[in-house]
C-alpha atoms as a PDB file:
ATOM      1  CA  MET A   1       0.000   0.000   0.000  1.00  0.00           C
ATOM      2  CA  SER A   2       1.456   3.357  -1.037  1.00  0.00           C
ATOM      3  CA  LYS A   3       1.986   6.254   1.339  1.00  0.00           C
ATOM      4  CA  SER A   4      -0.671   8.294  -0.478  1.00  0.00           C
ATOM      5  CA  THR A   5      -3.275   5.534  -0.012  1.00  0.00           C
ATOM      6  CA  LYS A   6      -2.359   5.206   3.676  1.00  0.00           C
ATOM      7  CA  MET A   7      -2.844   8.963   4.111  1.00  0.00           C
ATOM      8  CA  VAL A   8      -6.269   8.775   2.461  1.00  0.00           C
ATOM      9  CA  ILE A   9      -7.322   6.029   4.882  1.00  0.00           C
ATOM     10  CA  LEU A  10      -5.870   7.955   7.828  1.00  0.00           C
ATOM     11  CA  TYR A  11      -7.738  11.089   6.751  1.00  0.00           C
ATOM     12  CA  PHE A  12     -11.032   9.204   6.531  1.00  0.00           C
ATOM     13  CA  LEU A  13     -10.491   7.640   9.974  1.00  0.00           C
ATOM     14  CA  ILE A  14      -9.865  11.101  11.455  1.00  0.00           C
ATOM     15  CA  CYS A  15     -13.078  12.389   9.838  1.00  0.00           C
ATOM     16  CA  LEU A  16     -15.000   9.343  11.063  1.00  0.00           C
ATOM     17  CA  SER A  17     -13.663   9.806  14.611  1.00  0.00           C
ATOM     18  CA  LEU A  18     -14.668  13.473  14.685  1.00  0.00           C
ATOM     19  CA  ILE A  19     -18.224  12.859  13.479  1.00  0.00           C
ATOM     20  CA  THR A  20     -18.616   9.911  15.867  1.00  0.00           C
ATOM     21  CA  LEU A  21     -17.543  12.022  18.847  1.00  0.00           C
ATOM     22  CA  GLY A  22     -19.996  14.717  17.789  1.00  0.00           C
ATOM     23  CA  ALA A  23     -22.810  12.173  17.398  1.00  0.00           C
ATOM     24  CA  LEU A  24     -22.105  10.652  20.817  1.00  0.00           C
ATOM     25  CA  THR A  25     -22.926  13.993  22.479  1.00  0.00           C
ATOM     26  CA  LYS A  26     -26.568  13.547  21.354  1.00  0.00           C
ATOM     27  CA  ASN A  27     -26.549  17.269  20.582  1.00  0.00           C
ATOM     28  CA  PHE A  28     -27.168  18.543  17.042  1.00  0.00           C
ATOM     29  CA  ASN A  29     -25.068  21.676  17.616  1.00  0.00           C
ATOM     30  CA  TYR A  30     -22.037  19.674  18.714  1.00  0.00           C
ATOM     31  CA  GLY A  31     -22.681  17.239  15.891  1.00  0.00           C
ATOM     32  CA  THR A  32     -22.516  20.119  13.405  1.00  0.00           C
ATOM     33  CA  LEU A  33     -19.349  21.509  14.985  1.00  0.00           C
ATOM     34  CA  SER A  34     -17.646  18.139  14.596  1.00  0.00           C
ATOM     35  CA  VAL A  35     -18.022  18.476  10.823  1.00  0.00           C
ATOM     36  CA  LEU A  36     -16.137  21.768  10.514  1.00  0.00           C
ATOM     37  CA  PRO A  37     -12.549  20.598  11.264  1.00  0.00           C
ATOM     38  CA  ILE A  38     -12.393  18.079   8.402  1.00  0.00           C
ATOM     39  CA  GLY A  39     -11.695  20.830   5.864  1.00  0.00           C
ATOM     40  CA  LEU A  40      -8.830  22.168   7.960  1.00  0.00           C
ATOM     41  CA  VAL A  41      -7.406  18.662   8.331  1.00  0.00           C
ATOM     42  CA  ALA A  42      -7.545  18.260   4.530  1.00  0.00           C
ATOM     43  CA  ILE A  43      -5.606  21.497   4.073  1.00  0.00           C
ATOM     44  CA  LEU A  44      -2.981  20.423   6.642  1.00  0.00           C
ATOM     45  CA  PHE A  45      -2.571  17.048   4.922  1.00  0.00           C
ATOM     46  CA  GLN A  46      -2.248  18.716   1.517  1.00  0.00           C
ATOM     47  CA  LYS A  47       0.266  21.312   2.712  1.00  0.00           C
ATOM     48  CA  PHE A  48       2.487  19.426   5.142  1.00  0.00           C
ATOM     49  CA  ILE A  49       2.172  15.724   4.256  1.00  0.00           C
ATOM     50  CA  HIS A  50       1.723  15.753   0.493  1.00  0.00           C
ATOM     51  CA  LYS A  51       3.515  19.112   0.168  1.00  0.00           C
ATOM     52  CA  GLU A  52       1.291  20.211  -2.682  1.00  0.00           C
ATOM     53  CA  ASN A  53      -0.529  23.415  -3.577  1.00  0.00           C
ATOM     54  CA  ILE A  54      -3.713  23.991  -1.567  1.00  0.00           C
ATOM     55  CA  ARG A  55      -5.285  25.469  -4.690  1.00  0.00           C
ATOM     56  CA  ASN A  56      -5.327  21.950  -6.162  1.00  0.00           C
ATOM     57  CA  LEU A  57      -8.044  21.026  -3.643  1.00  0.00           C
ATOM     58  CA  GLY A  58     -10.551  22.873  -5.780  1.00  0.00           C
ATOM     59  CA  PHE A  59     -10.082  26.538  -4.947  1.00  0.00           C
ATOM     60  CA  ARG A  60     -10.701  27.539  -8.550  1.00  0.00           C
ATOM     61  CA  LYS A  61     -13.253  29.422 -10.583  1.00  0.00           C
ATOM     62  CA  CYS A  62     -15.900  27.603 -12.603  1.00  0.00           C
ATOM     63  CA  THR A  63     -18.096  28.461 -15.580  1.00  0.00           C
ATOM     64  CA  LEU A  64     -21.644  29.809 -15.505  1.00  0.00           C
ATOM     65  CA  LYS A  65     -22.792  26.613 -17.204  1.00  0.00           C
ATOM     66  CA  GLN A  66     -21.368  24.551 -14.319  1.00  0.00           C
ATOM     67  CA  ILE A  67     -23.089  26.823 -11.797  1.00  0.00           C
ATOM     68  CA  GLY A  68     -26.319  26.393 -13.748  1.00  0.00           C
ATOM     69  CA  LYS A  69     -26.024  22.601 -13.462  1.00  0.00           C
ATOM     70  CA  ALA A  70     -25.373  22.939  -9.734  1.00  0.00           C
ATOM     71  CA  ILE A  71     -28.665  24.815  -9.372  1.00  0.00           C
ATOM     72  CA  ILE A  72     -30.797  22.761 -11.766  1.00  0.00           C
ATOM     73  CA  PHE A  73     -29.703  19.320 -10.509  1.00  0.00           C
ATOM     74  CA  PRO A  74     -31.019  19.591  -6.929  1.00  0.00           C
ATOM     75  CA  LEU A  75     -34.164  21.453  -7.979  1.00  0.00           C
ATOM     76  CA  GLY A  76     -34.961  18.824 -10.594  1.00  0.00           C
ATOM     77  CA  ILE A  77     -34.221  15.811  -8.385  1.00  0.00           C
ATOM     78  CA  ILE A  78     -36.180  17.118  -5.392  1.00  0.00           C
ATOM     79  CA  PHE A  79     -39.120  18.003  -7.648  1.00  0.00           C
ATOM     80  CA  LEU A  80     -39.069  14.513  -9.197  1.00  0.00           C
ATOM     81  CA  ILE A  81     -39.060  12.881  -5.744  1.00  0.00           C
ATOM     82  CA  PHE A  82     -41.959  15.114  -4.702  1.00  0.00           C
ATOM     83  CA  PHE A  83     -43.791  14.229  -7.927  1.00  0.00           C
ATOM     84  CA  VAL A  84     -43.371  10.472  -7.336  1.00  0.00           C
ATOM     85  CA  ASP A  85     -44.441  10.855  -3.694  1.00  0.00           C
ATOM     86  CA  SER A  86     -47.531  12.769  -4.801  1.00  0.00           C
ATOM     87  CA  ILE A  87     -48.457  10.217  -7.480  1.00  0.00           C
ATOM     88  CA  LEU A  88     -48.147   7.436  -4.916  1.00  0.00           C
ATOM     89  CA  GLY A  89     -50.205   9.467  -2.434  1.00  0.00           C
ATOM     90  CA  ILE A  90     -47.720   8.981   0.406  1.00  0.00           C
ATOM     91  CA  ILE A  91     -47.276  12.631   1.409  1.00  0.00           C
ATOM     92  CA  ARG A  92     -49.441  15.615   2.120  1.00  0.00           C
ATOM     93  CA  ILE A  93     -48.547  19.301   2.136  1.00  0.00           C
ATOM     94  CA  LYS A  94     -48.950  21.096   5.446  1.00  0.00           C
ATOM     95  CA  SER A  95     -50.445  24.533   5.659  1.00  0.00           C
ATOM     96  CA  LEU A  96     -47.853  27.281   6.070  1.00  0.00           C
ATOM     97  CA  SER A  97     -49.637  28.133   9.322  1.00  0.00           C
ATOM     98  CA  GLU A  98     -48.362  24.775  10.671  1.00  0.00           C
ATOM     99  CA  VAL A  99     -44.731  25.293   9.659  1.00  0.00           C
ATOM    100  CA  LYS A 100     -42.132  26.221  12.260  1.00  0.00           C
ATOM    101  CA  ASN A 101     -39.715  29.048  11.482  1.00  0.00           C
ATOM    102  CA  PRO A 102     -36.214  27.627  12.125  1.00  0.00           C
ATOM    103  CA  PHE A 103     -34.730  31.080  12.590  1.00  0.00           C
ATOM    104  CA  VAL A 104     -37.299  32.433  15.071  1.00  0.00           C
ATOM    105  CA  ARG A 105     -37.707  30.576  18.338  1.00  0.00           C
ATOM    106  CA  ASP A 106     -41.190  29.196  19.073  1.00  0.00           C
ATOM    107  CA  GLN A 107     -42.699  30.767  15.938  1.00  0.00           C
ATOM    108  CA  ILE A 108     -45.276  28.502  14.306  1.00  0.00           C
ATOM    109  CA  GLY A 109     -46.770  29.742  11.064  1.00  0.00           C
ATOM    110  CA  ILE A 110     -45.002  31.555   8.233  1.00  0.00           C
ATOM    111  CA  GLU A 111     -45.855  33.486   5.080  1.00  0.00           C
ATOM    112  CA  PHE A 112     -44.929  32.370   1.558  1.00  0.00           C
ATOM    113  CA  TRP A 113     -42.144  34.923   1.218  1.00  0.00           C
ATOM    114  CA  THR A 114     -40.813  33.883   4.613  1.00  0.00           C
ATOM    115  CA  LEU A 115     -40.571  30.345   3.262  1.00  0.00           C
ATOM    116  CA  ILE A 116     -38.554  31.598   0.274  1.00  0.00           C
ATOM    117  CA  LEU A 117     -36.280  33.563   2.623  1.00  0.00           C
ATOM    118  CA  ILE A 118     -35.756  30.478   4.812  1.00  0.00           C
ATOM    119  CA  LEU A 119     -34.747  28.475   1.727  1.00  0.00           C
ATOM    120  CA  LEU A 120     -32.309  31.146   0.550  1.00  0.00           C
ATOM    121  CA  ILE A 121     -30.695  31.589   3.970  1.00  0.00           C
ATOM    122  CA  SER A 122     -30.453  27.834   4.537  1.00  0.00           C
ATOM    123  CA  ALA A 123     -28.917  27.276   1.095  1.00  0.00           C
ATOM    124  CA  PHE A 124     -26.353  30.047   1.584  1.00  0.00           C
ATOM    125  CA  LEU A 125     -25.317  28.930   5.070  1.00  0.00           C
ATOM    126  CA  THR A 126     -24.996  25.301   3.953  1.00  0.00           C
ATOM    127  CA  PHE A 127     -23.022  26.389   0.896  1.00  0.00           C
ATOM    128  CA  ILE A 128     -20.480  28.158   3.115  1.00  0.00           C
ATOM    129  CA  VAL A 129     -20.254  25.349   5.682  1.00  0.00           C
ATOM    130  CA  THR A 130     -19.913  22.529   3.145  1.00  0.00           C
ATOM    131  CA  LEU A 131     -17.440  24.519   1.044  1.00  0.00           C
ATOM    132  CA  ILE A 132     -14.969  24.576   3.945  1.00  0.00           C
ATOM    133  CA  SER A 133     -15.793  21.133   5.334  1.00  0.00           C
ATOM    134  CA  GLU A 134     -17.535  18.255   3.508  1.00  0.00           C
ATOM    135  CA  GLU A 135     -16.910  19.387  -0.068  1.00  0.00           C
ATOM    136  CA  LEU A 136     -13.337  20.385   0.690  1.00  0.00           C
ATOM    137  CA  GLY A 137     -12.692  17.073   2.437  1.00  0.00           C
ATOM    138  CA  PHE A 138     -14.585  14.511   0.371  1.00  0.00           C
ATOM    139  CA  ARG A 139     -14.429  16.101  -3.048  1.00  0.00           C
ATOM    140  CA  GLY A 140     -11.444  18.444  -2.935  1.00  0.00           C
ATOM    141  CA  TYR A 141      -9.095  16.203  -0.951  1.00  0.00           C
ATOM    142  CA  LEU A 142     -10.279  12.604  -1.412  1.00  0.00           C
ATOM    143  CA  ILE A 143     -11.145  12.737  -5.111  1.00  0.00           C
ATOM    144  CA  SER A 144      -7.905  14.569  -5.848  1.00  0.00           C
ATOM    145  CA  ARG A 145      -5.840  12.018  -3.898  1.00  0.00           C
ATOM    146  CA  LEU A 146      -7.670   9.031  -5.400  1.00  0.00           C
ATOM    147  CA  SER A 147      -7.625  10.341  -8.974  1.00  0.00           C
ATOM    148  CA  ARG A 148      -4.419   8.409  -9.689  1.00  0.00           C
ATOM    149  CA  PHE A 149      -6.660   5.309  -9.809  1.00  0.00           C
ATOM    150  CA  GLY A 150      -8.800   7.000 -12.461  1.00  0.00           C
ATOM    151  CA  ASN A 151     -11.755   9.353 -12.119  1.00  0.00           C
ATOM    152  CA  PHE A 152     -14.306   6.520 -12.091  1.00  0.00           C
ATOM    153  CA  LYS A 153     -12.750   4.749  -9.096  1.00  0.00           C
ATOM    154  CA  ALA A 154     -11.951   8.028  -7.359  1.00  0.00           C
ATOM    155  CA  LEU A 155     -15.601   9.041  -7.600  1.00  0.00           C
ATOM    156  CA  LEU A 156     -16.870   5.680  -6.315  1.00  0.00           C
ATOM    157  CA  PHE A 157     -14.469   5.407  -3.379  1.00  0.00           C
ATOM    158  CA  SER A 158     -14.840   9.029  -2.258  1.00  0.00           C
ATOM    159  CA  SER A 159     -18.642   8.646  -2.411  1.00  0.00           C
ATOM    160  CA  LEU A 160     -18.474   5.393  -0.449  1.00  0.00           C
ATOM    161  CA  PHE A 161     -16.429   7.141   2.267  1.00  0.00           C
ATOM    162  CA  PHE A 162     -18.938  10.000   2.212  1.00  0.00           C
ATOM    163  CA  GLY A 163     -21.839   7.614   2.754  1.00  0.00           C
ATOM    164  CA  LEU A 164     -20.144   5.654   5.553  1.00  0.00           C
ATOM    165  CA  TRP A 165     -19.192   8.913   7.247  1.00  0.00           C
ATOM    166  CA  HIS A 166     -22.906   9.638   7.732  1.00  0.00           C
ATOM    167  CA  LEU A 167     -23.523   6.380   9.585  1.00  0.00           C
ATOM    168  CA  PRO A 168     -22.587   7.572  13.135  1.00  0.00           C
ATOM    169  CA  PRO A 169     -24.991  10.568  13.129  1.00  0.00           C
ATOM    170  CA  SER A 170     -27.774   8.376  11.763  1.00  0.00           C
ATOM    171  CA  LEU A 171     -27.351   5.654  14.381  1.00  0.00           C
ATOM    172  CA  LEU A 172     -26.111   7.646  17.381  1.00  0.00           C
ATOM    173  CA  LEU A 173     -27.453  11.179  16.959  1.00  0.00           C
ATOM    174  CA  ILE A 174     -30.770  10.700  15.189  1.00  0.00           C
ATOM    175  CA  GLY A 175     -31.334   7.214  16.591  1.00  0.00           C
ATOM    176  CA  SER A 176     -32.441   5.651  13.317  1.00  0.00           C
ATOM    177  CA  GLY A 177     -32.660   1.878  13.166  1.00  0.00           C
ATOM    178  CA  VAL A 178     -30.374  -0.295  11.077  1.00  0.00           C
ATOM    179  CA  GLY A 179     -32.775  -0.451   8.116  1.00  0.00           C
ATOM    180  CA  ARG A 180     -33.366   3.283   7.921  1.00  0.00           C
ATOM    181  CA  SER A 181     -29.653   4.017   8.451  1.00  0.00           C
ATOM    182  CA  THR A 182     -28.731   1.623   5.638  1.00  0.00           C
ATOM    183  CA  ILE A 183     -31.011   3.449   3.195  1.00  0.00           C
ATOM    184  CA  TYR A 184     -29.662   6.781   4.425  1.00  0.00           C
ATOM    185  CA  VAL A 185     -26.011   5.793   3.965  1.00  0.00           C
ATOM    186  CA  PHE A 186     -26.703   4.388   0.492  1.00  0.00           C
ATOM    187  CA  ASN A 187     -28.577   7.521  -0.579  1.00  0.00           C
ATOM    188  CA  ILE A 188     -25.752   9.721   0.690  1.00  0.00           C
ATOM    189  CA  PHE A 189     -23.354   7.544  -1.315  1.00  0.00           C
ATOM    190  CA  LEU A 190     -25.480   8.265  -4.401  1.00  0.00           C
ATOM    191  CA  LEU A 191     -25.501  11.985  -3.601  1.00  0.00           C
ATOM    192  CA  GLY A 192     -21.723  11.822  -3.279  1.00  0.00           C
ATOM    193  CA  ILE A 193     -21.573  10.563  -6.869  1.00  0.00           C
ATOM    194  CA  LEU A 194     -23.574  13.563  -8.050  1.00  0.00           C
ATOM    195  CA  PHE A 195     -21.539  16.056  -5.986  1.00  0.00           C
ATOM    196  CA  GLY A 196     -18.303  14.413  -7.103  1.00  0.00           C
ATOM    197  CA  TYR A 197     -19.232  14.467 -10.774  1.00  0.00           C
ATOM    198  CA  LEU A 198     -19.658  18.241 -10.670  1.00  0.00           C
ATOM    199  CA  PHE A 199     -16.273  18.522  -8.968  1.00  0.00           C
ATOM    200  CA  LEU A 200     -14.560  16.311 -11.562  1.00  0.00           C
ATOM    201  CA  GLU A 201     -16.156  18.272 -14.374  1.00  0.00           C
ATOM    202  CA  SER A 202     -15.145  21.684 -13.034  1.00  0.00           C
ATOM    203  CA  LYS A 203     -12.112  20.936 -10.798  1.00  0.00           C
ATOM    204  CA  SER A 204     -13.745  23.529  -8.544  1.00  0.00           C
ATOM    205  CA  LEU A 205     -15.469  23.240  -5.164  1.00  0.00           C
ATOM    206  CA  LEU A 206     -18.057  25.848  -6.129  1.00  0.00           C
ATOM    207  CA  PRO A 207     -20.533  23.699  -8.158  1.00  0.00           C
ATOM    208  CA  SER A 208     -20.649  20.794  -5.689  1.00  0.00           C
ATOM    209  CA  SER A 209     -20.982  23.216  -2.755  1.00  0.00           C
ATOM    210  CA  ILE A 210     -23.829  25.100  -4.468  1.00  0.00           C
ATOM    211  CA  PHE A 211     -25.561  21.774  -5.215  1.00  0.00           C
ATOM    212  CA  HIS A 212     -25.026  20.689  -1.592  1.00  0.00           C
ATOM    213  CA  GLY A 213     -26.374  23.954  -0.203  1.00  0.00           C
ATOM    214  CA  ILE A 214     -29.526  23.933  -2.327  1.00  0.00           C
ATOM    215  CA  TRP A 215     -30.092  20.228  -1.701  1.00  0.00           C
ATOM    216  CA  ASN A 216     -29.924  20.547   2.094  1.00  0.00           C
ATOM    217  CA  ALA A 217     -32.143  23.627   2.085  1.00  0.00           C
ATOM    218  CA  LEU A 218     -34.831  21.879   0.033  1.00  0.00           C
ATOM    219  CA  GLU A 219     -34.508  18.522   1.815  1.00  0.00           C
ATOM    220  CA  TYR A 220     -34.713  19.839   5.379  1.00  0.00           C
ATOM    221  CA  THR A 221     -37.283  22.572   4.717  1.00  0.00           C
ATOM    222  CA  PHE A 222     -39.687  20.465   2.665  1.00  0.00           C
ATOM    223  CA  PHE A 223     -39.102  16.933   3.960  1.00  0.00           C
ATOM    224  CA  GLY A 224     -37.607  17.510   7.418  1.00  0.00           C
ATOM    225  CA  TYR A 225     -34.680  15.734   9.045  1.00  0.00           C
ATOM    226  CA  GLY A 226     -34.592  12.925  11.579  1.00  0.00           C
ATOM    227  CA  SER A 227     -37.647  13.333  13.768  1.00  0.00           C
ATOM    228  CA  SER A 228     -38.352  16.924  12.677  1.00  0.00           C
ATOM    229  CA  GLU A 229     -41.088  17.503  10.112  1.00  0.00           C
ATOM    230  CA  GLY A 230     -40.924  19.647   7.005  1.00  0.00           C
ATOM    231  CA  LEU A 231     -43.612  21.127   4.787  1.00  0.00           C
ATOM    232  CA  PHE A 232     -44.277  17.683   3.282  1.00  0.00           C
ATOM    233  CA  ILE A 233     -45.260  14.942   5.693  1.00  0.00           C
ATOM    234  CA  GLY A 234     -46.195  11.290   5.401  1.00  0.00           C
ATOM    235  CA  ASN A 235     -46.648   8.155   7.455  1.00  0.00           C
ATOM    236  CA  SER A 236     -43.234   6.666   6.727  1.00  0.00           C
ATOM    237  CA  ARG A 237     -40.011   8.641   6.192  1.00  0.00           C
ATOM    238  CA  ILE A 238     -38.341   5.408   5.110  1.00  0.00           C
ATOM    239  CA  ILE A 239     -40.550   5.568   2.021  1.00  0.00           C
ATOM    240  CA  PHE A 240     -41.026   9.196   0.966  1.00  0.00           C
ATOM    241  CA  ASP A 241     -37.841  10.990   2.083  1.00  0.00           C
ATOM    242  CA  PRO A 242     -35.117  11.982  -0.440  1.00  0.00           C
ATOM    243  CA  GLU A 243     -32.256  10.972   1.876  1.00  0.00           C
ATOM    244  CA  GLU A 244     -33.838   8.381   4.164  1.00  0.00           C
ATOM    245  CA  GLY A 245     -36.512   6.945   1.893  1.00  0.00           C
ATOM    246  CA  LEU A 246     -36.834   4.410  -0.906  1.00  0.00           C
ATOM    247  CA  VAL A 247     -38.344   6.902  -3.340  1.00  0.00           C
ATOM    248  CA  GLY A 248     -35.207   8.974  -2.881  1.00  0.00           C
ATOM    249  CA  THR A 249     -33.137   5.841  -3.521  1.00  0.00           C
ATOM    250  CA  ALA A 250     -34.904   5.136  -6.816  1.00  0.00           C
ATOM    251  CA  VAL A 251     -34.554   8.666  -8.174  1.00  0.00           C
ATOM    252  CA  LEU A 252     -30.964   9.203  -6.978  1.00  0.00           C
ATOM    253  CA  LEU A 253     -29.929   5.790  -8.306  1.00  0.00           C
ATOM    254  CA  ALA A 254     -31.307   6.613 -11.750  1.00  0.00           C
ATOM    255  CA  PHE A 255     -29.372   9.892 -11.897  1.00  0.00           C
ATOM    256  CA  SER A 256     -26.205   8.302 -10.495  1.00  0.00           C
ATOM    257  CA  LEU A 257     -26.223   5.471 -13.024  1.00  0.00           C
ATOM    258  CA  VAL A 258     -26.453   7.982 -15.863  1.00  0.00           C
ATOM    259  CA  ILE A 259     -23.523   9.924 -14.392  1.00  0.00           C
ATOM    260  CA  LEU A 260     -21.411   6.779 -13.941  1.00  0.00           C
ATOM    261  CA  TRP A 261     -22.238   5.648 -17.468  1.00  0.00           C
ATOM    262  CA  LYS A 262     -21.132   9.009 -18.872  1.00  0.00           C
ATOM    263  CA  LEU A 263     -17.935   8.923 -16.832  1.00  0.00           C
ATOM    264  CA  LYS A 264     -17.146   5.328 -17.808  1.00  0.00           C
ATOM    265  CA  LYS A 265     -17.752   6.179 -21.448  1.00  0.00           C
ATOM    266  CA  LYS A 266     -15.134   8.934 -21.258  1.00  0.00           C
END
C-alpha cells in the first residue's frame, strides 16, 4: 500500500472519529461543529504531508454553465421525488400556518415569502459550511488524492467514504434503526456521486458546494430531518424521504447510473 493511499485512509479515519464524537454527544449543535474541522485537516494534509498546492483542492473558478447545473440538478431531483411521492399518495402538504420558522424561536406559522427567505438563507449557510468542510474534504481532498486510480474509481471510493461517514450521526445522533440508516447511507453515497461528478467536471469546489447547499435547504425545509417535520409529511419517512426513503433511492440511483455511465464512457 502506497503512502498516499495510507494517508487517504488515515484522513477518513480522522473524519470518522470526529463525526462519531460529535454524534455521541446527542446534541445537534455539537454534531454540526464536529463536521467543521475536516476541511482544515484536509488542508494540513495537503500542505504538510503531500507538500502540494492547496489550490489543487478545488479553490478555482468555474463556468456559468457549471453553476447552472449545480442549481438545476437539486431542484430537478427534489421536484421529481416530490412528484413520485404525490403520485403514490404517500405525502401531504402542510399549511404554512403549521410550519415552524427555524430562525425564530417558538414561531409557528409563516408566510410564503418567509418560506422563500428560509430556503435562501439555509442554502447560503450550507453552501459556506460545506465549502470549507464536507466538499473540501470529500471532493477536494479525497477525489484529488484518489484520482491516480482513475476518475471513475476516485468518484466511487470518495462517495463510499462519504456515505459511511454519515452512519454515526444516523445511528447515534438521530437514533435511526439499522434499516433506515442503511437506506440513508446508500442515498448519501449516491448523492456523493452527483456532488463528485460536478467537482470532476469543473475541478472547482463551487458547483458541488452550491448543489449541496440547495439540496440541504430543500430537503430539510420540505421533507424535514430525523424526527423533525418539514412542509411535506407522510406516514413513513423510510418511504417518501429523499435521503432516508426508498423513493429517494430510486430517483438518486437513476441519476447516479447515468452519471457513472457518462464517466465510464469517457
